[in-house]
Amino acid sequence: MYKKDDKTYYDWIDYGYDMKQIKDLEFDHVVGIYRGSLTMAVHISNVFDVSMSIVGFQTRDGEDKGPYWIHNATPLDHSKDVRWSRQYHGKGSTILIVDDIYDTGHTMHNVIPFVKVARNKPSAYPNLIGYCLFGKANDKNISYANEHDGSWIVFPWETLNEPV
């Protein structure tokens, strides 16, 4: 990670390191927030062999009034979604909600209650975990990998200047 022109450039090496922190979390479903966290959500879904849902909610670049499902893969039958959890932790009860940046908290503060209410079978997933690549201290129990200093962050999937 390096700074240039008042921007923070986050690279693939940093991303790989930060993704390894997720291995200690217990979850069996991941929810990505369109658009910023879809790269993370797809990666987590593949690496941990869990299903993935997508919530739409853009306040910075869009005019969304509230979160909405783009794709809800939380099953009606909970037994179809416990592969990872049974294999590694034996729980089968937690959804991981990921986003790229936790700044004001507005996105997570809207998405978490939405997911709690709008799951296909809420009793199957009583627990929700929020995780961001960049964040600030908060009292909402949202974990993050890196302290956000308020600078604009350029992610490696947003540019062709970073080697793949």
Protein backbone atom coordinates (compact mmCIF):
# COMPACT_ATOMS: atom_id res chain seq x y z
CA MET A 1 0.00 0.00 0.00
CA TYR A 2 1.35 3.43 -0.84
CA LYS A 3 0.16 7.04 -0.99
CA LYS A 4 0.39 9.32 -4.00
CA ASP A 5 -1.54 12.47 -4.91
CA ASP A 6 -3.65 12.31 -1.72
CA LYS A 7 -4.79 8.78 -2.62
CA THR A 8 -4.05 5.43 -1.04
CA TYR A 9 -3.14 2.74 -3.56
CA TYR A 10 -4.06 -0.70 -2.24
CA ASP A 11 -2.42 -3.55 -4.15
CA TRP A 12 -3.01 -7.26 -4.71
CA ILE A 13 -0.40 -8.23 -2.11
CA ASP A 14 -2.19 -6.18 0.58
CA TYR A 15 -5.50 -7.67 -0.50
CA GLY A 16 -4.16 -11.22 -0.26
CA TYR A 17 -2.87 -10.59 3.24
CA ASP A 18 -6.16 -9.05 4.37
CA MET A 19 -8.21 -11.91 2.93
CA LYS A 20 -6.20 -14.39 5.01
CA GLN A 21 -7.60 -12.71 8.14
CA ILE A 22 -11.07 -13.94 7.19
CA LYS A 23 -10.09 -17.58 7.67
CA ASP A 24 -10.56 -17.17 11.42
CA LEU A 25 -14.17 -16.03 11.06
CA GLU A 26 -16.96 -18.59 11.27
CA PHE A 27 -19.58 -18.18 8.54
CA ASP A 28 -21.42 -20.23 5.95
CA HIS A 29 -22.79 -17.56 3.60
CA VAL A 30 -21.35 -14.30 2.26
CA VAL A 31 -23.22 -11.16 1.20
CA GLY A 32 -21.49 -8.61 -1.04
CA ILE A 33 -22.73 -5.06 -1.40
CA TYR A 34 -22.97 -3.91 -5.01
CA ARG A 35 -20.47 -2.64 -6.35
CA GLY A 36 -17.55 -2.05 -4.02
CA SER A 37 -17.38 -5.43 -2.37
CA LEU A 38 -18.32 -7.81 -5.16
CA THR A 39 -14.68 -8.70 -5.87
CA MET A 40 -14.24 -9.68 -2.23
CA ALA A 41 -17.53 -11.54 -2.00
CA VAL A 42 -16.87 -13.67 -5.09
CA HIS A 43 -13.36 -14.46 -3.88
CA ILE A 44 -14.60 -15.43 -0.40
CA SER A 45 -17.42 -17.51 -1.87
CA ASN A 46 -14.94 -19.45 -4.01
CA VAL A 47 -12.15 -19.88 -1.46
CA PHE A 48 -14.42 -20.91 1.43
CA ASP A 49 -16.93 -22.79 -0.74
CA VAL A 50 -19.95 -20.87 0.57
CA SER A 51 -22.92 -19.48 -1.29
CA MET A 52 -23.12 -15.77 -2.03
CA SER A 53 -25.87 -13.16 -2.16
CA ILE A 54 -25.72 -9.61 -3.50
CA VAL A 55 -27.38 -6.57 -1.96
CA GLY A 56 -27.73 -3.37 -3.94
CA PHE A 57 -27.20 -0.13 -2.06
CA GLN A 58 -25.28 2.83 -3.42
CA THR A 59 -25.41 6.22 -1.80
CA ARG A 60 -22.20 7.78 -3.10
CA ASP A 61 -22.57 6.98 -6.82
CA GLY A 62 -26.25 6.08 -6.90
CA GLU A 63 -29.59 7.27 -5.71
CA ASP A 64 -30.72 4.18 -3.83
CA LYS A 65 -33.21 4.96 -1.08
CA GLY A 66 -32.54 1.69 0.69
CA PRO A 67 -30.93 -1.72 0.26
CA TYR A 68 -32.51 -4.34 -2.00
CA TRP A 69 -31.69 -7.88 -3.13
CA ILE A 70 -29.96 -8.22 -6.47
CA HIS A 71 -29.49 -11.92 -5.77
CA ASN A 72 -30.69 -13.65 -2.61
CA ALA A 73 -29.11 -17.09 -2.31
CA THR A 74 -29.94 -17.65 1.35
CA PRO A 75 -31.81 -20.94 1.05
CA LEU A 76 -35.32 -21.66 2.19
CA ASP A 77 -33.97 -24.99 3.35
CA HIS A 78 -31.01 -24.24 5.64
CA SER A 79 -29.60 -27.78 5.27
CA LYS A 80 -28.52 -26.94 1.71
CA ASP A 81 -26.07 -24.27 2.87
CA VAL A 82 -24.01 -25.79 5.66
CA ARG A 83 -21.19 -27.53 3.73
CA TRP A 84 -18.43 -25.17 4.81
CA SER A 85 -19.64 -24.70 8.31
CA ARG A 86 -20.06 -28.40 9.08
CA GLN A 87 -16.69 -29.23 7.56
CA TYR A 88 -14.74 -26.57 9.43
CA HIS A 89 -16.73 -25.36 12.40
CA GLY A 90 -19.91 -27.39 12.82
CA LYS A 91 -22.07 -24.26 13.24
CA GLY A 92 -24.03 -23.39 10.09
CA SER A 93 -25.55 -20.18 11.36
CA THR A 94 -23.65 -17.06 10.28
CA ILE A 95 -23.72 -14.68 7.32
CA LEU A 96 -20.62 -12.60 6.58
CA ILE A 97 -21.45 -9.19 5.07
CA VAL A 98 -18.48 -7.60 3.33
CA ASP A 99 -17.78 -4.11 2.02
CA ASP A 100 -14.69 -2.32 0.82
CA ILE A 101 -14.80 0.72 3.12
CA TYR A 102 -16.50 1.46 6.43
CA ASP A 103 -16.34 5.26 6.64
CA THR A 104 -19.49 6.88 8.00
CA GLY A 105 -21.12 3.50 8.67
CA HIS A 106 -24.18 4.47 6.62
CA THR A 107 -23.99 1.49 4.27
CA MET A 108 -23.50 -1.22 6.91
CA HIS A 109 -26.05 0.43 9.23
CA ASN A 110 -28.64 0.04 6.46
CA VAL A 111 -27.58 -3.29 4.97
CA ILE A 112 -27.24 -5.31 8.19
CA PRO A 113 -30.84 -4.71 9.39
CA PHE A 114 -32.09 -5.29 5.83
CA VAL A 115 -30.37 -8.68 5.62
CA LYS A 116 -31.62 -9.62 9.11
CA VAL A 117 -35.21 -9.06 8.02
CA ALA A 118 -35.06 -10.09 4.35
CA ARG A 119 -33.37 -13.50 4.53
CA ASN A 120 -35.36 -16.38 3.07
CA LYS A 121 -35.31 -18.20 6.40
CA PRO A 122 -34.05 -15.86 9.14
CA SER A 123 -34.04 -18.52 11.85
CA ALA A 124 -31.40 -20.45 9.89
CA TYR A 125 -28.95 -17.54 10.08
CA PRO A 126 -29.29 -15.81 13.43
CA ASN A 127 -25.79 -14.33 13.32
CA LEU A 128 -24.37 -11.63 11.06
CA ILE A 129 -20.74 -10.45 10.87
CA GLY A 130 -19.66 -7.21 9.17
CA TYR A 131 -16.16 -7.05 7.68
CA CYS A 132 -14.50 -4.30 5.60
CA LEU A 133 -11.06 -3.88 4.06
CA PHE A 134 -10.82 -0.32 5.42
CA GLY A 135 -12.64 1.06 8.42
CA LYS A 136 -12.78 3.26 11.47
CA ALA A 137 -13.36 2.49 15.13
CA ASN A 138 -17.05 1.88 15.67
CA ASP A 139 -19.48 0.58 18.25
CA LYS A 140 -21.38 -1.58 15.74
CA ASN A 141 -18.92 -4.49 15.89
CA ILE A 142 -17.82 -4.05 12.26
CA SER A 143 -14.35 -5.53 11.82
CA TYR A 144 -11.86 -4.11 9.36
CA ALA A 145 -8.37 -4.97 8.14
CA ASN A 146 -6.91 -1.46 7.75
CA GLU A 147 -7.52 1.89 9.45
CA HIS A 148 -9.17 4.34 7.04
CA ASP A 149 -7.61 7.80 7.20
CA GLY A 150 -10.23 9.40 4.94
CA SER A 151 -8.10 9.38 1.80
CA TRP A 152 -9.47 8.12 -1.50
CA ILE A 153 -8.58 4.43 -1.90
CA VAL A 154 -7.70 2.99 -5.29
CA PHE A 155 -8.24 -0.77 -5.27
CA PRO A 156 -6.26 -3.01 -7.64
CA TRP A 157 -9.41 -4.10 -9.48
CA GLU A 158 -10.18 -0.44 -10.30
CA THR A 159 -7.11 0.19 -12.40
CA LEU A 160 -4.99 -1.34 -15.13
CA ASN A 161 -1.83 0.14 -13.61
CA GLU A 162 -1.45 -2.64 -11.02
CA PRO A 163 0.00 -5.95 -12.19
CA VAL A 164 -2.39 -8.86 -11.89
